[in-house]
Amino acid sequence: MPEKTSMLRFPLWSRVLHNRKLLLFLSISMIVISAPLQIGAVIIAWDKHYIRVNTKSKLNKAQKFILYQNSLSLLEQGLRWDSNNPDLRFRFAHRLLLSGRYATTANLATHYFQKCLQQTARIHPQRPSWYKAWLLHSKCLEQTRAPKAKIENSVLTASRLAPFKIPMKKFLLKWGTHNWQRLSPPMKKQVWQAIQFLYSKKDYKNLVKKRIIKKELFGLLSCLTLDSDSSHIKHISRFRCGKLSTEHLNFQQQTGRLR
């Protein structure tokens, strides 16, 4: 009886430490549980180091393809050990996209882009609000020449999840100005907001101008540089901003962001 009362006085952690078998069991369990997380992080670190070391010198298209093939092999092995790691799968999907861009044949490129879509689709259930995964998915869809509506839905999802992220805005600037004539009104609205957002940043002002001039969207450039005086809205919409729909100009007038 005295032994039992004295045993109850010890805290739980103290009793665990004094029980070697239980301590060994808990230690092994912790290693087994945490091992996949550690393996995934190590594989990603190895891949980052491999890419950084091998991209110090300029590579041609064939060399880049080999580089990303080797990276894919490493990441694929990592996914065999840790198949539920979304960061590892995202990196693997990104390497598939790059492999497709530098592939030697169109069929091989399509193969990699399709695999990229499969991988990003597996990430969405795990991290539905991860804008980077949706953005990567959009890029893969674009490469496979998917229907316009499907690409726009993916891009809009990514944009709504990251309304103030610079990488998202830069993608909208590049992709949106390239496809401006084919975009739906809601998509044009998102692209125009991204253009205004980047134009308001000192570091990206010239980037926006160069991109718009390159794509010959001078109406957009005029709208960026003109004042937001409401008395000029009709004049702008008719003569200076033919590339923007009345819906977008109304939106700009209401928010006072026509600059």
C-alpha atoms as a PDB file:
ATOM      1  CA  MET A   1       0.000   0.000   0.000  1.00  0.00           C
ATOM      2  CA  PRO A   2       2.735   2.555   0.832  1.00  0.00           C
ATOM      3  CA  GLU A   3       4.361   1.779  -2.507  1.00  0.00           C
ATOM      4  CA  LYS A   4       1.173   2.615  -4.388  1.00  0.00           C
ATOM      5  CA  THR A   5       0.691   5.949  -2.614  1.00  0.00           C
ATOM      6  CA  SER A   6       4.305   6.922  -3.201  1.00  0.00           C
ATOM      7  CA  MET A   7       3.964   5.999  -6.874  1.00  0.00           C
ATOM      8  CA  LEU A   8       0.943   8.252  -7.250  1.00  0.00           C
ATOM      9  CA  ARG A   9       2.934  11.193  -5.976  1.00  0.00           C
ATOM     10  CA  PHE A  10       5.231  11.113  -9.013  1.00  0.00           C
ATOM     11  CA  PRO A  11       4.153  13.195 -12.028  1.00  0.00           C
ATOM     12  CA  LEU A  12       3.251  11.277 -15.174  1.00  0.00           C
ATOM     13  CA  TRP A  13       6.391  12.335 -17.068  1.00  0.00           C
ATOM     14  CA  SER A  14       8.560  11.130 -14.169  1.00  0.00           C
ATOM     15  CA  ARG A  15       6.955   7.704 -14.221  1.00  0.00           C
ATOM     16  CA  VAL A  16       7.490   7.487 -17.987  1.00  0.00           C
ATOM     17  CA  LEU A  17      11.175   8.294 -17.572  1.00  0.00           C
ATOM     18  CA  HIS A  18      11.532   5.529 -14.990  1.00  0.00           C
ATOM     19  CA  ASN A  19       9.840   2.971 -17.249  1.00  0.00           C
ATOM     20  CA  ARG A  20      12.487   2.016 -19.831  1.00  0.00           C
ATOM     21  CA  LYS A  21      10.196  -0.082 -22.014  1.00  0.00           C
ATOM     22  CA  LEU A  22       7.572   2.647 -22.222  1.00  0.00           C
ATOM     23  CA  LEU A  23      10.235   5.264 -22.878  1.00  0.00           C
ATOM     24  CA  LEU A  24      11.711   3.182 -25.720  1.00  0.00           C
ATOM     25  CA  PHE A  25       8.259   2.646 -27.232  1.00  0.00           C
ATOM     26  CA  LEU A  26       7.433   6.362 -27.122  1.00  0.00           C
ATOM     27  CA  SER A  27      10.817   7.300 -28.609  1.00  0.00           C
ATOM     28  CA  ILE A  28      10.395   4.906 -31.541  1.00  0.00           C
ATOM     29  CA  SER A  29       6.823   6.143 -32.080  1.00  0.00           C
ATOM     30  CA  MET A  30       7.968   9.772 -32.210  1.00  0.00           C
ATOM     31  CA  ILE A  31      10.701   8.924 -34.720  1.00  0.00           C
ATOM     32  CA  VAL A  32       8.254   7.026 -36.941  1.00  0.00           C
ATOM     33  CA  ILE A  33       5.681   9.846 -36.799  1.00  0.00           C
ATOM     34  CA  SER A  34       8.138  12.694 -37.429  1.00  0.00           C
ATOM     35  CA  ALA A  35      10.372  10.889 -39.938  1.00  0.00           C
ATOM     36  CA  PRO A  36       8.261  11.728 -43.043  1.00  0.00           C
ATOM     37  CA  LEU A  37       8.257  15.436 -42.151  1.00  0.00           C
ATOM     38  CA  GLN A  38      12.021  15.412 -41.717  1.00  0.00           C
ATOM     39  CA  ILE A  39      12.585  13.430 -44.913  1.00  0.00           C
ATOM     40  CA  GLY A  40      10.446  15.865 -46.928  1.00  0.00           C
ATOM     41  CA  ALA A  41      12.314  18.877 -45.558  1.00  0.00           C
ATOM     42  CA  VAL A  42      15.696  17.246 -46.237  1.00  0.00           C
ATOM     43  CA  ILE A  43      14.742  16.336 -49.825  1.00  0.00           C
ATOM     44  CA  ILE A  44      13.570  19.898 -50.505  1.00  0.00           C
ATOM     45  CA  ALA A  45      16.804  21.293 -49.037  1.00  0.00           C
ATOM     46  CA  TRP A  46      18.882  18.936 -51.205  1.00  0.00           C
ATOM     47  CA  ASP A  47      16.942  19.938 -54.297  1.00  0.00           C
ATOM     48  CA  LYS A  48      17.355  23.663 -53.581  1.00  0.00           C
ATOM     49  CA  HIS A  49      21.093  23.173 -53.133  1.00  0.00           C
ATOM     50  CA  TYR A  50      21.359  21.087 -56.320  1.00  0.00           C
ATOM     51  CA  ILE A  51      19.541  23.704 -58.413  1.00  0.00           C
ATOM     52  CA  ARG A  52      21.473  26.605 -56.883  1.00  0.00           C
ATOM     53  CA  VAL A  53      24.876  24.986 -57.494  1.00  0.00           C
ATOM     54  CA  ASN A  54      24.104  23.950 -61.069  1.00  0.00           C
ATOM     55  CA  THR A  55      22.545  27.223 -62.228  1.00  0.00           C
ATOM     56  CA  LYS A  56      25.489  29.445 -61.359  1.00  0.00           C
ATOM     57  CA  SER A  57      26.674  29.207 -64.965  1.00  0.00           C
ATOM     58  CA  LYS A  58      24.460  29.779 -67.997  1.00  0.00           C
ATOM     59  CA  LEU A  59      22.795  26.609 -69.309  1.00  0.00           C
ATOM     60  CA  ASN A  60      21.327  25.885 -72.719  1.00  0.00           C
ATOM     61  CA  LYS A  61      17.907  24.296 -73.237  1.00  0.00           C
ATOM     62  CA  ALA A  62      19.200  20.703 -73.302  1.00  0.00           C
ATOM     63  CA  GLN A  63      21.246  21.216 -70.138  1.00  0.00           C
ATOM     64  CA  LYS A  64      18.273  22.730 -68.329  1.00  0.00           C
ATOM     65  CA  PHE A  65      16.154  19.744 -69.302  1.00  0.00           C
ATOM     66  CA  ILE A  66      18.751  17.353 -67.837  1.00  0.00           C
ATOM     67  CA  LEU A  67      18.987  19.510 -64.715  1.00  0.00           C
ATOM     68  CA  TYR A  68      15.249  19.304 -64.069  1.00  0.00           C
ATOM     69  CA  GLN A  69      15.183  15.597 -64.901  1.00  0.00           C
ATOM     70  CA  ASN A  70      17.709  14.947 -62.147  1.00  0.00           C
ATOM     71  CA  SER A  71      15.702  17.140 -59.806  1.00  0.00           C
ATOM     72  CA  LEU A  72      12.548  15.186 -60.654  1.00  0.00           C
ATOM     73  CA  SER A  73      14.251  11.891 -59.807  1.00  0.00           C
ATOM     74  CA  LEU A  74      15.226  13.178 -56.376  1.00  0.00           C
ATOM     75  CA  LEU A  75      11.796  14.637 -55.604  1.00  0.00           C
ATOM     76  CA  GLU A  76       9.987  11.548 -56.886  1.00  0.00           C
ATOM     77  CA  GLN A  77      12.008   9.398 -54.507  1.00  0.00           C
ATOM     78  CA  GLY A  78      11.089  11.774 -51.705  1.00  0.00           C
ATOM     79  CA  LEU A  79       7.380  11.401 -52.518  1.00  0.00           C
ATOM     80  CA  ARG A  80       7.694   7.624 -52.217  1.00  0.00           C
ATOM     81  CA  TRP A  81       8.748   8.125 -48.614  1.00  0.00           C
ATOM     82  CA  ASP A  82       6.469  11.064 -47.867  1.00  0.00           C
ATOM     83  CA  SER A  83       3.514  11.069 -50.242  1.00  0.00           C
ATOM     84  CA  ASN A  84       1.384  13.402 -48.096  1.00  0.00           C
ATOM     85  CA  ASN A  85       3.816  16.317 -48.027  1.00  0.00           C
ATOM     86  CA  PRO A  86       2.187  19.175 -50.039  1.00  0.00           C
ATOM     87  CA  ASP A  87       5.396  21.241 -50.145  1.00  0.00           C
ATOM     88  CA  LEU A  88       7.309  18.329 -51.642  1.00  0.00           C
ATOM     89  CA  ARG A  89       4.540  17.626 -54.143  1.00  0.00           C
ATOM     90  CA  PHE A  90       4.361  21.306 -55.107  1.00  0.00           C
ATOM     91  CA  ARG A  91       8.085  21.341 -55.828  1.00  0.00           C
ATOM     92  CA  PHE A  92       7.727  18.137 -57.847  1.00  0.00           C
ATOM     93  CA  ALA A  93       4.870  19.674 -59.878  1.00  0.00           C
ATOM     94  CA  HIS A  94       6.916  22.809 -60.512  1.00  0.00           C
ATOM     95  CA  ARG A  95       9.805  20.706 -61.836  1.00  0.00           C
ATOM     96  CA  LEU A  96       7.361  18.913 -64.142  1.00  0.00           C
ATOM     97  CA  LEU A  97       6.272  22.282 -65.539  1.00  0.00           C
ATOM     98  CA  LEU A  98       9.885  23.320 -66.164  1.00  0.00           C
ATOM     99  CA  SER A  99      10.717  19.931 -67.705  1.00  0.00           C
ATOM    100  CA  GLY A 100       7.813  20.408 -70.093  1.00  0.00           C
ATOM    101  CA  ARG A 101       9.043  23.860 -71.095  1.00  0.00           C
ATOM    102  CA  TYR A 102      12.503  22.527 -71.936  1.00  0.00           C
ATOM    103  CA  ALA A 103      11.394  19.189 -73.410  1.00  0.00           C
ATOM    104  CA  THR A 104      12.833  18.200 -76.777  1.00  0.00           C
ATOM    105  CA  THR A 105       9.513  17.238 -78.402  1.00  0.00           C
ATOM    106  CA  ALA A 106       5.939  18.512 -78.231  1.00  0.00           C
ATOM    107  CA  ASN A 107       4.616  15.104 -77.130  1.00  0.00           C
ATOM    108  CA  LEU A 108       7.119  14.919 -74.285  1.00  0.00           C
ATOM    109  CA  ALA A 109       6.222  18.451 -73.212  1.00  0.00           C
ATOM    110  CA  THR A 110       2.507  17.584 -73.168  1.00  0.00           C
ATOM    111  CA  HIS A 111       3.280  14.516 -71.062  1.00  0.00           C
ATOM    112  CA  TYR A 112       5.007  16.623 -68.406  1.00  0.00           C
ATOM    113  CA  PHE A 113       2.306  19.301 -68.404  1.00  0.00           C
ATOM    114  CA  GLN A 114      -0.400  16.667 -67.905  1.00  0.00           C
ATOM    115  CA  LYS A 115       1.540  15.152 -65.012  1.00  0.00           C
ATOM    116  CA  CYS A 116       1.917  18.633 -63.532  1.00  0.00           C
ATOM    117  CA  LEU A 117      -1.871  19.051 -63.574  1.00  0.00           C
ATOM    118  CA  GLN A 118      -2.309  15.701 -61.833  1.00  0.00           C
ATOM    119  CA  GLN A 119       0.082  16.730 -59.071  1.00  0.00           C
ATOM    120  CA  THR A 120      -1.437  20.172 -58.474  1.00  0.00           C
ATOM    121  CA  ALA A 121      -4.904  18.604 -58.381  1.00  0.00           C
ATOM    122  CA  ARG A 122      -3.700  16.420 -55.497  1.00  0.00           C
ATOM    123  CA  ILE A 123      -2.468  19.462 -53.564  1.00  0.00           C
ATOM    124  CA  HIS A 124      -5.794  21.367 -53.630  1.00  0.00           C
ATOM    125  CA  PRO A 125      -7.651  19.045 -51.186  1.00  0.00           C
ATOM    126  CA  GLN A 126      -4.760  19.320 -48.716  1.00  0.00           C
ATOM    127  CA  ARG A 127      -4.340  23.094 -48.989  1.00  0.00           C
ATOM    128  CA  PRO A 128      -7.390  24.574 -50.732  1.00  0.00           C
ATOM    129  CA  SER A 129      -6.388  28.163 -49.895  1.00  0.00           C
ATOM    130  CA  TRP A 130      -2.775  27.907 -51.120  1.00  0.00           C
ATOM    131  CA  TYR A 131      -2.638  30.421 -53.957  1.00  0.00           C
ATOM    132  CA  LYS A 132       0.727  29.183 -55.238  1.00  0.00           C
ATOM    133  CA  ALA A 133      -0.742  25.762 -56.012  1.00  0.00           C
ATOM    134  CA  TRP A 134      -3.627  27.363 -57.931  1.00  0.00           C
ATOM    135  CA  LEU A 135      -1.209  29.631 -59.761  1.00  0.00           C
ATOM    136  CA  LEU A 136       0.949  26.661 -60.769  1.00  0.00           C
ATOM    137  CA  HIS A 137      -2.196  24.822 -61.835  1.00  0.00           C
ATOM    138  CA  SER A 138      -3.124  27.801 -64.033  1.00  0.00           C
ATOM    139  CA  LYS A 139       0.285  27.782 -65.703  1.00  0.00           C
ATOM    140  CA  CYS A 140      -0.014  24.063 -66.443  1.00  0.00           C
ATOM    141  CA  LEU A 141      -3.509  24.555 -67.872  1.00  0.00           C
ATOM    142  CA  GLU A 142      -2.212  27.315 -70.128  1.00  0.00           C
ATOM    143  CA  GLN A 143       0.566  25.067 -71.425  1.00  0.00           C
ATOM    144  CA  THR A 144      -1.905  22.282 -72.246  1.00  0.00           C
ATOM    145  CA  ARG A 145      -4.103  24.791 -74.124  1.00  0.00           C
ATOM    146  CA  ALA A 146      -7.075  24.054 -71.909  1.00  0.00           C
ATOM    147  CA  PRO A 147     -10.401  25.849 -72.536  1.00  0.00           C
ATOM    148  CA  LYS A 148     -10.295  29.570 -71.754  1.00  0.00           C
ATOM    149  CA  ALA A 149     -12.992  29.307 -69.085  1.00  0.00           C
ATOM    150  CA  LYS A 150     -11.071  26.596 -67.233  1.00  0.00           C
ATOM    151  CA  ILE A 151      -7.865  28.645 -67.182  1.00  0.00           C
ATOM    152  CA  GLU A 152      -9.708  31.786 -66.076  1.00  0.00           C
ATOM    153  CA  ASN A 153     -11.444  29.961 -63.216  1.00  0.00           C
ATOM    154  CA  SER A 154      -8.094  28.734 -61.930  1.00  0.00           C
ATOM    155  CA  VAL A 155      -6.468  32.169 -62.286  1.00  0.00           C
ATOM    156  CA  LEU A 156      -9.417  33.897 -60.592  1.00  0.00           C
ATOM    157  CA  THR A 157      -9.234  31.445 -57.686  1.00  0.00           C
ATOM    158  CA  ALA A 158      -5.530  32.137 -57.221  1.00  0.00           C
ATOM    159  CA  SER A 159      -6.071  35.898 -57.495  1.00  0.00           C
ATOM    160  CA  ARG A 160      -8.858  35.944 -54.906  1.00  0.00           C
ATOM    161  CA  LEU A 161      -6.747  33.910 -52.485  1.00  0.00           C
ATOM    162  CA  ALA A 162      -3.820  36.326 -52.821  1.00  0.00           C
ATOM    163  CA  PRO A 163      -5.175  39.840 -53.478  1.00  0.00           C
ATOM    164  CA  PHE A 164      -1.950  41.604 -52.461  1.00  0.00           C
ATOM    165  CA  LYS A 165       0.816  39.141 -53.375  1.00  0.00           C
ATOM    166  CA  ILE A 166       3.396  40.549 -55.809  1.00  0.00           C
ATOM    167  CA  PRO A 167       4.059  37.202 -57.621  1.00  0.00           C
ATOM    168  CA  MET A 168       0.322  36.893 -58.285  1.00  0.00           C
ATOM    169  CA  LYS A 169       0.098  40.460 -59.603  1.00  0.00           C
ATOM    170  CA  LYS A 170       3.135  39.967 -61.846  1.00  0.00           C
ATOM    171  CA  PHE A 171       1.591  36.826 -63.323  1.00  0.00           C
ATOM    172  CA  LEU A 172      -1.660  38.688 -64.000  1.00  0.00           C
ATOM    173  CA  LEU A 173       0.311  41.485 -65.675  1.00  0.00           C
ATOM    174  CA  LYS A 174       2.181  39.108 -67.973  1.00  0.00           C
ATOM    175  CA  TRP A 175      -0.584  36.615 -68.677  1.00  0.00           C
ATOM    176  CA  GLY A 176      -3.384  39.186 -68.743  1.00  0.00           C
ATOM    177  CA  THR A 177      -1.741  41.570 -71.205  1.00  0.00           C
ATOM    178  CA  HIS A 178      -0.786  38.642 -73.451  1.00  0.00           C
ATOM    179  CA  ASN A 179      -4.399  37.385 -73.582  1.00  0.00           C
ATOM    180  CA  TRP A 180      -6.204  40.709 -73.067  1.00  0.00           C
ATOM    181  CA  GLN A 181      -8.440  40.552 -76.144  1.00  0.00           C
ATOM    182  CA  ARG A 182      -9.720  37.077 -75.211  1.00  0.00           C
ATOM    183  CA  LEU A 183     -10.408  37.711 -71.515  1.00  0.00           C
ATOM    184  CA  SER A 184     -13.886  37.820 -69.986  1.00  0.00           C
ATOM    185  CA  PRO A 185     -15.003  41.052 -68.198  1.00  0.00           C
ATOM    186  CA  PRO A 186     -14.428  39.630 -64.661  1.00  0.00           C
ATOM    187  CA  MET A 187     -10.955  38.497 -65.671  1.00  0.00           C
ATOM    188  CA  LYS A 188     -10.152  41.870 -67.252  1.00  0.00           C
ATOM    189  CA  LYS A 189     -11.199  43.494 -64.006  1.00  0.00           C
ATOM    190  CA  GLN A 190      -8.717  41.359 -62.044  1.00  0.00           C
ATOM    191  CA  VAL A 191      -5.925  42.052 -64.535  1.00  0.00           C
ATOM    192  CA  TRP A 192      -6.623  45.791 -64.509  1.00  0.00           C
ATOM    193  CA  GLN A 193      -6.532  45.842 -60.704  1.00  0.00           C
ATOM    194  CA  ALA A 194      -3.198  44.007 -60.795  1.00  0.00           C
ATOM    195  CA  ILE A 195      -1.814  46.528 -63.292  1.00  0.00           C
ATOM    196  CA  GLN A 196      -2.892  49.435 -61.099  1.00  0.00           C
ATOM    197  CA  PHE A 197      -1.491  47.764 -57.993  1.00  0.00           C
ATOM    198  CA  LEU A 198       1.942  47.212 -59.562  1.00  0.00           C
ATOM    199  CA  TYR A 199       1.957  50.661 -61.172  1.00  0.00           C
ATOM    200  CA  SER A 200       1.495  52.209 -57.729  1.00  0.00           C
ATOM    201  CA  LYS A 201       4.698  50.490 -56.560  1.00  0.00           C
ATOM    202  CA  LYS A 202       7.894  52.371 -57.357  1.00  0.00           C
ATOM    203  CA  ASP A 203       9.879  49.195 -58.077  1.00  0.00           C
ATOM    204  CA  TYR A 204       7.373  47.901 -60.650  1.00  0.00           C
ATOM    205  CA  LYS A 205       6.213  51.085 -62.391  1.00  0.00           C
ATOM    206  CA  ASN A 206       8.612  50.753 -65.339  1.00  0.00           C
ATOM    207  CA  LEU A 207       7.915  47.017 -65.602  1.00  0.00           C
ATOM    208  CA  VAL A 208       4.209  47.754 -66.089  1.00  0.00           C
ATOM    209  CA  LYS A 209       4.901  50.423 -68.723  1.00  0.00           C
ATOM    210  CA  LYS A 210       7.291  48.209 -70.697  1.00  0.00           C
ATOM    211  CA  ARG A 211       4.893  45.271 -70.661  1.00  0.00           C
ATOM    212  CA  ILE A 212       1.890  47.322 -71.801  1.00  0.00           C
ATOM    213  CA  ILE A 213       3.909  49.022 -74.561  1.00  0.00           C
ATOM    214  CA  LYS A 214       5.325  45.663 -75.681  1.00  0.00           C
ATOM    215  CA  LYS A 215       1.794  44.307 -76.100  1.00  0.00           C
ATOM    216  CA  GLU A 216       0.658  47.581 -77.738  1.00  0.00           C
ATOM    217  CA  LEU A 217      -2.132  48.127 -75.201  1.00  0.00           C
ATOM    218  CA  PHE A 218      -1.777  51.899 -75.313  1.00  0.00           C
ATOM    219  CA  GLY A 219      -5.322  52.425 -74.042  1.00  0.00           C
ATOM    220  CA  LEU A 220      -4.307  50.791 -70.764  1.00  0.00           C
ATOM    221  CA  LEU A 221      -1.223  52.966 -70.567  1.00  0.00           C
ATOM    222  CA  SER A 222      -3.304  56.106 -71.127  1.00  0.00           C
ATOM    223  CA  CYS A 223      -5.682  55.124 -68.346  1.00  0.00           C
ATOM    224  CA  LEU A 224      -2.772  54.640 -65.965  1.00  0.00           C
ATOM    225  CA  THR A 225      -1.274  58.058 -66.646  1.00  0.00           C
ATOM    226  CA  LEU A 226      -4.453  60.194 -66.770  1.00  0.00           C
ATOM    227  CA  ASP A 227      -6.046  61.877 -63.755  1.00  0.00           C
ATOM    228  CA  SER A 228      -9.154  60.353 -62.134  1.00  0.00           C
ATOM    229  CA  ASP A 229     -11.373  63.395 -62.742  1.00  0.00           C
ATOM    230  CA  SER A 230     -14.892  61.992 -63.299  1.00  0.00           C
ATOM    231  CA  SER A 231     -15.621  64.642 -65.964  1.00  0.00           C
ATOM    232  CA  HIS A 232     -13.123  62.930 -68.258  1.00  0.00           C
ATOM    233  CA  ILE A 233     -14.605  59.434 -67.950  1.00  0.00           C
ATOM    234  CA  LYS A 234     -16.763  59.635 -71.090  1.00  0.00           C
ATOM    235  CA  HIS A 235     -13.949  61.165 -73.118  1.00  0.00           C
ATOM    236  CA  ILE A 236     -11.498  58.532 -71.892  1.00  0.00           C
ATOM    237  CA  SER A 237     -13.836  55.616 -72.570  1.00  0.00           C
ATOM    238  CA  ARG A 238     -14.484  56.789 -76.142  1.00  0.00           C
ATOM    239  CA  PHE A 239     -11.112  58.031 -77.345  1.00  0.00           C
ATOM    240  CA  ARG A 240      -8.330  57.023 -74.978  1.00  0.00           C
ATOM    241  CA  CYS A 241      -9.339  53.741 -73.332  1.00  0.00           C
ATOM    242  CA  GLY A 242     -10.864  51.658 -76.088  1.00  0.00           C
ATOM    243  CA  LYS A 243      -9.184  48.566 -74.658  1.00  0.00           C
ATOM    244  CA  LEU A 244     -11.147  48.847 -71.403  1.00  0.00           C
ATOM    245  CA  SER A 245     -14.867  48.123 -71.249  1.00  0.00           C
ATOM    246  CA  THR A 246     -17.358  50.590 -69.760  1.00  0.00           C
ATOM    247  CA  GLU A 247     -17.864  48.164 -66.865  1.00  0.00           C
ATOM    248  CA  HIS A 248     -14.234  48.491 -65.847  1.00  0.00           C
ATOM    249  CA  LEU A 249     -14.250  52.259 -66.199  1.00  0.00           C
ATOM    250  CA  ASN A 250     -17.331  52.447 -63.974  1.00  0.00           C
ATOM    251  CA  PHE A 251     -15.538  50.284 -61.429  1.00  0.00           C
ATOM    252  CA  GLN A 252     -12.512  52.582 -61.571  1.00  0.00           C
ATOM    253  CA  GLN A 253     -14.678  55.695 -61.216  1.00  0.00           C
ATOM    254  CA  GLN A 254     -16.439  54.282 -58.149  1.00  0.00           C
ATOM    255  CA  THR A 255     -13.215  53.293 -56.429  1.00  0.00           C
ATOM    256  CA  GLY A 256     -11.270  56.383 -57.518  1.00  0.00           C
ATOM    257  CA  ARG A 257      -8.440  54.238 -58.854  1.00  0.00           C
ATOM    258  CA  LEU A 258      -8.317  55.467 -62.445  1.00  0.00           C
ATOM    259  CA  ARG A 259      -4.776  56.843 -62.593  1.00  0.00           C
END
